[in-house]
Amino acid sequence: MTALEKAKALISDDMQAVDQLIGQRLSSDVVLINQLGGYIVNSGGKRLRPQLVLLAAGALDYQGQKHQLIAAIIEFIHTATLLHDDVVDASEMRRGQKTANALWGNEASVLVGDFLYSRAFEMMVEADSMRIMEILAHATNTIAEGEVLQLLNCNDPDTTEARYLEVIHSKTAKLFQAATQIGAVLTDSDQATEQAMADYGMHLGTAFQLIDDVLDYSATSKELGKNIGDDLAEGKPTLPLIYAMNNGSSEQTAIIRDAIENSGRDNMPAIIEAIESTGAIAYTASCARKEADKAIKALAKITNTPYREALLALAEFSVQRSF
């Protein structure tokens, strides 16, 4: 049984309640919202972010049901970002299936994404906690900033590693952080514990994204659920490309720069060779390993329970996975 499967087994009853809540709150009198929203929510994602809410709350011995509401909110926010991302990136495949925008068009995808955001904020009010609303509202705003930062980096081969990490901290890791931090808020934990859970989520989310970057050039399309090199085709200078440009030959650097500037993967064999020969995959994986280790360290003072063990196992899974 994988770490992901063990975590799911531990919180299976809670996740069943979360899935039921998602189905209820996704419901609308507008048929297209039900169709498109249901399609992407049920399209085979890991449900990792809502799981983190449940596991973090469990690790701190939370006894209520409000964590189920927060988990559903987190999933709605994440799903909204996916809908908008796929429109911005003109993506046609996600999780091995056609994207919503490929099936229903950009306009419907953007508007249903807006519906999910607004429904999430309606549900936040029910949580009846200004602190939780503060964390989630700030996270949502930071994700939007990360999207804009990524847009500015697109087709820019001079993007630095620091600029790239700023994007993934904002765009990806921030929602991981909110998910685990709220577990501490729900249990009225002290500031040190809240910070520890927030740090765990931030480092875990960063590790996940860095491994996504690795898989974009080392996994198969079937494993990845999208086409290999899709990030490059969208002009995104991810860490393997940045490292290869900085450490490759002048010819390799020129090929990668041209591909980023022109959103092209015509020279994909040469680009992959450059990534492999410069050690860019190993470097990116080592950066992910450091982030996973920081996530593990953040939980050092949390009481050892099956929930904490699941969080530790997820940190290991983040760097060992192939999908």
Protein backbone atom coordinates (compact mmCIF):
# COMPACT_ATOMS: atom_id res chain seq x y z
CA MET A 1 0.00 0.00 0.00
CA THR A 2 1.43 3.39 -1.00
CA ALA A 3 1.69 6.38 1.34
CA LEU A 4 -1.17 7.99 -0.52
CA GLU A 5 -3.34 4.88 -0.11
CA LYS A 6 -2.51 4.63 3.60
CA ALA A 7 -3.42 8.27 4.13
CA LYS A 8 -6.69 7.76 2.29
CA ALA A 9 -7.54 4.71 4.40
CA LEU A 10 -6.94 6.65 7.61
CA ILE A 11 -9.38 9.40 6.65
CA SER A 12 -11.75 7.41 4.44
CA ASP A 13 -14.88 8.25 6.44
CA ASP A 14 -14.04 11.94 6.51
CA MET A 15 -13.23 11.96 2.79
CA GLN A 16 -16.55 10.29 2.04
CA ALA A 17 -18.26 13.13 3.92
CA VAL A 18 -16.15 15.68 2.04
CA ASP A 19 -17.01 14.16 -1.33
CA GLN A 20 -20.69 14.23 -0.39
CA LEU A 21 -20.38 17.87 0.64
CA ILE A 22 -18.60 18.73 -2.62
CA GLY A 23 -21.43 17.13 -4.59
CA GLN A 24 -24.06 19.04 -2.64
CA ARG A 25 -22.36 22.42 -2.90
CA LEU A 26 -21.48 21.97 -6.55
CA SER A 27 -25.17 21.73 -7.35
CA SER A 28 -26.69 24.65 -9.27
CA ASP A 29 -29.88 25.42 -11.12
CA VAL A 30 -27.64 26.12 -14.11
CA VAL A 31 -27.13 22.78 -15.86
CA LEU A 32 -23.78 23.69 -17.44
CA ILE A 33 -22.28 24.39 -14.02
CA ASN A 34 -23.30 20.92 -12.85
CA GLN A 35 -21.89 19.30 -15.98
CA LEU A 36 -18.57 21.13 -16.22
CA GLY A 37 -17.94 21.44 -12.49
CA GLY A 38 -18.76 17.78 -11.90
CA TYR A 39 -16.51 16.75 -14.78
CA ILE A 40 -13.38 18.38 -13.41
CA VAL A 41 -14.07 17.69 -9.71
CA ASN A 42 -14.53 13.99 -10.50
CA SER A 43 -11.77 13.64 -13.08
CA GLY A 44 -9.40 11.49 -11.03
CA GLY A 45 -7.27 13.98 -9.09
CA LYS A 46 -5.38 12.94 -5.97
CA ARG A 47 -7.62 15.07 -3.69
CA LEU A 48 -4.36 15.77 -1.87
CA ARG A 49 -5.19 19.24 -0.57
CA PRO A 50 -8.43 18.29 1.17
CA GLN A 51 -6.70 15.21 2.55
CA LEU A 52 -4.07 17.48 4.08
CA VAL A 53 -6.76 19.43 5.94
CA LEU A 54 -8.13 16.21 7.41
CA LEU A 55 -4.73 14.75 8.27
CA ALA A 56 -3.46 17.98 9.86
CA ALA A 57 -6.60 18.26 11.98
CA GLY A 58 -6.28 14.60 12.96
CA ALA A 59 -2.62 15.02 13.86
CA LEU A 60 -3.68 17.71 16.36
CA ASP A 61 -6.59 15.65 17.71
CA TYR A 62 -9.43 17.74 16.29
CA GLN A 63 -12.82 16.37 17.35
CA GLY A 64 -15.36 18.33 15.31
CA GLN A 65 -16.63 18.20 11.72
CA LYS A 66 -15.63 21.66 10.51
CA HIS A 67 -12.47 20.23 8.91
CA GLN A 68 -14.74 18.53 6.36
CA LEU A 69 -16.16 21.91 5.33
CA ILE A 70 -12.66 23.39 5.04
CA ALA A 71 -11.49 20.42 2.97
CA ALA A 72 -14.34 20.96 0.50
CA ILE A 73 -13.54 24.69 0.31
CA ILE A 74 -9.89 23.95 -0.41
CA GLU A 75 -10.86 21.53 -3.20
CA PHE A 76 -13.20 24.13 -4.76
CA ILE A 77 -10.45 26.76 -4.74
CA HIS A 78 -7.99 24.30 -6.27
CA THR A 79 -10.48 23.22 -8.94
CA ALA A 80 -11.18 26.84 -9.85
CA THR A 81 -7.45 27.44 -10.36
CA LEU A 82 -7.25 24.37 -12.63
CA LEU A 83 -10.11 25.63 -14.80
CA HIS A 84 -8.50 29.04 -15.17
CA ASP A 85 -4.99 27.56 -15.64
CA ASP A 86 -6.09 25.39 -18.53
CA VAL A 87 -7.64 28.37 -20.31
CA VAL A 88 -4.53 30.53 -19.83
CA ASP A 89 -2.25 27.69 -20.96
CA ALA A 90 -4.57 26.56 -23.78
CA SER A 91 -4.21 23.03 -22.36
CA GLU A 92 -6.06 20.14 -23.96
CA MET A 93 -5.17 17.31 -21.56
CA ARG A 94 -5.18 17.02 -17.78
CA ARG A 95 -5.11 13.82 -15.68
CA GLY A 96 -5.25 11.79 -18.88
CA GLN A 97 -8.54 13.36 -20.02
CA LYS A 98 -9.61 16.25 -22.18
CA THR A 99 -9.66 19.53 -20.27
CA ALA A 100 -12.97 21.27 -19.58
CA ASN A 101 -12.05 24.11 -21.92
CA ALA A 102 -11.36 21.62 -24.71
CA LEU A 103 -14.86 20.20 -24.25
CA TRP A 104 -16.97 23.23 -23.33
CA GLY A 105 -14.83 26.17 -24.43
CA ASN A 106 -12.85 28.87 -22.65
CA GLU A 107 -15.80 31.06 -21.74
CA ALA A 108 -17.65 28.32 -19.86
CA SER A 109 -14.46 27.20 -18.08
CA VAL A 110 -13.64 30.68 -16.83
CA LEU A 111 -17.18 31.34 -15.64
CA VAL A 112 -17.55 28.00 -13.86
CA GLY A 113 -14.18 28.63 -12.25
CA ASP A 114 -15.61 31.93 -10.99
CA PHE A 115 -18.63 30.05 -9.65
CA LEU A 116 -16.38 27.68 -7.71
CA TYR A 117 -14.40 30.56 -6.22
CA SER A 118 -17.54 32.37 -5.13
CA ARG A 119 -19.12 29.18 -3.77
CA ALA A 120 -15.95 28.57 -1.77
CA PHE A 121 -16.23 32.03 -0.22
CA GLU A 122 -19.89 31.41 0.62
CA MET A 123 -18.81 28.27 2.46
CA MET A 124 -16.02 30.13 4.27
CA VAL A 125 -18.66 32.22 6.00
CA GLU A 126 -20.17 29.03 7.41
CA ALA A 127 -16.85 28.20 9.06
CA ASP A 128 -17.60 31.17 11.34
CA SER A 129 -13.93 32.03 11.90
CA MET A 130 -12.29 35.26 10.83
CA ARG A 131 -8.87 33.61 11.21
CA ILE A 132 -9.79 30.81 8.81
CA MET A 133 -11.30 33.28 6.37
CA GLU A 134 -8.16 35.41 6.62
CA ILE A 135 -5.90 32.44 5.77
CA LEU A 136 -8.06 31.26 2.86
CA ALA A 137 -8.63 34.74 1.43
CA HIS A 138 -4.91 35.50 1.61
CA ALA A 139 -4.07 32.15 0.02
CA THR A 140 -6.49 32.76 -2.84
CA ASN A 141 -5.05 36.21 -3.46
CA THR A 142 -1.48 34.87 -3.34
CA ILE A 143 -2.36 32.14 -5.86
CA ALA A 144 -3.68 34.81 -8.23
CA GLU A 145 -0.43 36.75 -7.82
CA GLY A 146 1.51 33.57 -8.56
CA GLU A 147 -0.47 33.06 -11.76
CA VAL A 148 0.41 36.58 -12.90
CA LEU A 149 4.07 36.09 -11.98
CA GLN A 150 4.11 32.90 -14.04
CA LEU A 151 2.57 34.77 -16.95
CA LEU A 152 5.39 37.34 -16.73
CA ASN A 153 7.97 34.53 -16.74
CA CYS A 154 6.47 32.84 -19.80
CA ASN A 155 8.68 33.03 -22.89
CA ASP A 156 11.41 34.67 -20.79
CA PRO A 157 14.59 32.53 -20.88
CA ASP A 158 16.25 34.91 -18.42
CA THR A 159 13.92 33.80 -15.61
CA THR A 160 16.11 33.04 -12.58
CA GLU A 161 15.76 30.15 -10.17
CA ALA A 162 14.70 32.62 -7.46
CA ARG A 163 11.94 34.05 -9.67
CA TYR A 164 10.75 30.58 -10.53
CA LEU A 165 10.64 29.49 -6.89
CA GLU A 166 8.64 32.61 -6.06
CA VAL A 167 6.05 31.47 -8.59
CA ILE A 168 5.68 27.96 -7.19
CA HIS A 169 5.59 29.18 -3.59
CA SER A 170 2.69 31.44 -4.54
CA LYS A 171 0.90 29.41 -7.19
CA THR A 172 1.17 25.88 -5.80
CA ALA A 173 2.58 25.67 -2.29
CA LYS A 174 0.39 28.40 -0.76
CA LEU A 175 -2.78 26.28 -0.86
CA PHE A 176 -0.89 23.32 0.66
CA GLN A 177 0.19 25.68 3.42
CA ALA A 178 -3.33 26.95 4.04
CA ALA A 179 -4.66 23.38 4.21
CA THR A 180 -2.27 22.27 6.95
CA GLN A 181 -2.19 25.58 8.84
CA ILE A 182 -5.97 25.55 9.24
CA GLY A 183 -5.68 22.18 10.96
CA ALA A 184 -3.85 24.02 13.74
CA VAL A 185 -6.36 26.88 13.77
CA LEU A 186 -9.28 24.47 14.15
CA THR A 187 -7.68 23.01 17.26
CA ASP A 188 -6.77 26.39 18.79
CA SER A 189 -3.13 25.34 18.76
CA ASP A 190 -0.40 27.70 19.93
CA GLN A 191 1.50 29.91 17.50
CA ALA A 192 4.51 27.59 17.32
CA THR A 193 2.33 24.64 16.33
CA GLU A 194 0.42 26.71 13.77
CA GLN A 195 3.71 27.85 12.26
CA ALA A 196 5.04 24.29 12.18
CA MET A 197 1.97 23.07 10.31
CA ALA A 198 2.15 26.02 7.91
CA ASP A 199 5.85 25.33 7.25
CA TYR A 200 5.11 21.67 6.61
CA GLY A 201 2.49 22.56 3.98
CA MET A 202 4.69 25.14 2.24
CA HIS A 203 7.66 22.79 1.96
CA LEU A 204 5.49 19.83 0.92
CA GLY A 205 3.80 21.87 -1.81
CA THR A 206 7.15 23.09 -3.11
CA ALA A 207 8.50 19.54 -3.22
CA PHE A 208 5.43 18.36 -5.13
CA GLN A 209 5.79 21.07 -7.76
CA LEU A 210 9.52 20.47 -8.23
CA ILE A 211 8.86 16.79 -8.84
CA ASP A 212 6.13 17.76 -11.30
CA ASP A 213 8.87 19.66 -13.14
CA VAL A 214 11.07 16.55 -13.11
CA LEU A 215 8.24 14.35 -14.39
CA ASP A 216 7.54 16.75 -17.25
CA TYR A 217 10.81 15.55 -18.80
CA SER A 218 11.18 12.03 -17.41
CA ALA A 219 7.74 10.41 -17.11
CA THR A 220 5.64 8.92 -19.88
CA SER A 221 2.56 10.76 -21.13
CA LYS A 222 0.39 7.99 -19.66
CA GLU A 223 1.99 8.35 -16.22
CA LEU A 224 1.86 12.13 -16.33
CA GLY A 225 -1.69 12.46 -17.63
CA LYS A 226 -0.60 15.09 -20.13
CA ASN A 227 1.88 15.44 -22.97
CA ILE A 228 5.60 15.39 -22.17
CA GLY A 229 7.08 18.86 -22.53
CA ASP A 230 3.74 20.64 -22.16
CA ASP A 231 5.32 23.26 -19.89
CA LEU A 232 7.89 24.04 -22.54
CA ALA A 233 5.21 24.21 -25.23
CA GLU A 234 3.59 26.90 -23.07
CA GLY A 235 6.87 28.80 -22.79
CA LYS A 236 7.29 28.06 -19.09
CA PRO A 237 10.93 28.12 -17.91
CA THR A 238 10.80 25.48 -15.16
CA LEU A 239 13.77 24.58 -12.98
CA PRO A 240 15.21 21.75 -15.15
CA LEU A 241 15.31 24.15 -18.10
CA ILE A 242 16.78 27.01 -16.06
CA TYR A 243 19.51 24.75 -14.66
CA ALA A 244 20.31 23.22 -18.08
CA MET A 245 20.62 26.68 -19.64
CA ASN A 246 22.98 27.83 -16.89
CA ASN A 247 25.14 24.69 -17.01
CA GLY A 248 24.99 23.47 -20.60
CA SER A 249 27.10 24.21 -23.65
CA SER A 250 26.49 27.36 -25.66
CA GLU A 251 24.66 25.27 -28.25
CA GLN A 252 22.43 23.64 -25.63
CA THR A 253 21.69 27.00 -24.05
CA ALA A 254 20.74 28.47 -27.42
CA ILE A 255 18.36 25.58 -28.19
CA ILE A 256 16.58 25.88 -24.85
CA ARG A 257 16.40 29.69 -25.03
CA ASP A 258 14.81 29.48 -28.46
CA ALA A 259 12.29 26.88 -27.28
CA ILE A 260 11.25 29.02 -24.30
CA GLU A 261 11.02 32.21 -26.37
CA ASN A 262 8.93 30.54 -29.07
CA SER A 263 6.91 28.05 -26.97
CA GLY A 264 8.21 25.21 -29.07
CA ARG A 265 9.16 21.59 -28.54
CA ASP A 266 10.39 20.85 -32.06
CA ASN A 267 13.86 20.14 -30.66
CA MET A 268 12.58 18.07 -27.75
CA PRO A 269 15.15 15.23 -28.15
CA ALA A 270 18.01 17.76 -27.99
CA ILE A 271 16.41 19.57 -25.08
CA ILE A 272 15.92 16.37 -23.10
CA GLU A 273 19.52 15.39 -23.85
CA ALA A 274 20.68 18.77 -22.54
CA ILE A 275 18.59 18.37 -19.41
CA GLU A 276 19.99 14.90 -18.79
CA SER A 277 23.63 15.67 -19.63
CA THR A 278 23.78 18.74 -17.37
CA GLY A 279 22.29 16.88 -14.41
CA ALA A 280 19.25 19.17 -14.36
CA ILE A 281 16.88 16.35 -13.42
CA ALA A 282 19.09 15.27 -10.53
CA TYR A 283 19.51 18.89 -9.39
CA THR A 284 15.76 19.56 -9.41
CA ALA A 285 15.10 16.28 -7.61
CA SER A 286 17.70 17.20 -4.97
CA CYS A 287 15.97 20.55 -4.42
CA ALA A 288 12.68 18.66 -3.96
CA ARG A 289 14.39 16.30 -1.49
CA LYS A 290 15.57 19.27 0.58
CA GLU A 291 12.03 20.66 0.67
CA ALA A 292 10.61 17.28 1.72
CA ASP A 293 13.22 17.05 4.48
CA LYS A 294 12.20 20.51 5.71
CA ALA A 295 8.56 19.40 5.73
CA ILE A 296 9.50 16.37 7.82
CA LYS A 297 11.57 18.50 10.21
CA ALA A 298 8.65 20.91 10.69
CA LEU A 299 6.65 18.09 12.32
CA ALA A 300 9.40 17.20 14.81
CA LYS A 301 7.51 18.48 17.85
CA ILE A 302 4.07 17.21 16.82
CA THR A 303 2.91 14.24 18.90
CA ASN A 304 3.43 10.98 17.05
CA THR A 305 0.09 9.50 15.89
CA PRO A 306 -1.02 7.61 12.76
CA TYR A 307 -2.03 11.01 11.30
CA ARG A 308 1.44 12.45 11.83
CA GLU A 309 2.93 9.29 10.32
CA ALA A 310 0.70 9.78 7.28
CA LEU A 311 1.93 13.37 6.90
CA LEU A 312 5.54 12.19 7.11
CA ALA A 313 4.83 9.46 4.56
CA LEU A 314 3.31 12.03 2.19
CA ALA A 315 6.53 14.03 2.37
CA GLU A 316 8.42 10.92 1.25
CA PHE A 317 5.80 10.19 -1.42
CA SER A 318 6.20 13.72 -2.79
CA VAL A 319 9.73 12.96 -3.98
CA GLN A 320 9.39 9.26 -4.84
CA ARG A 321 6.28 9.37 -6.98
CA SER A 322 6.06 8.77 -10.74
CA PHE A 323 2.73 10.53 -11.32
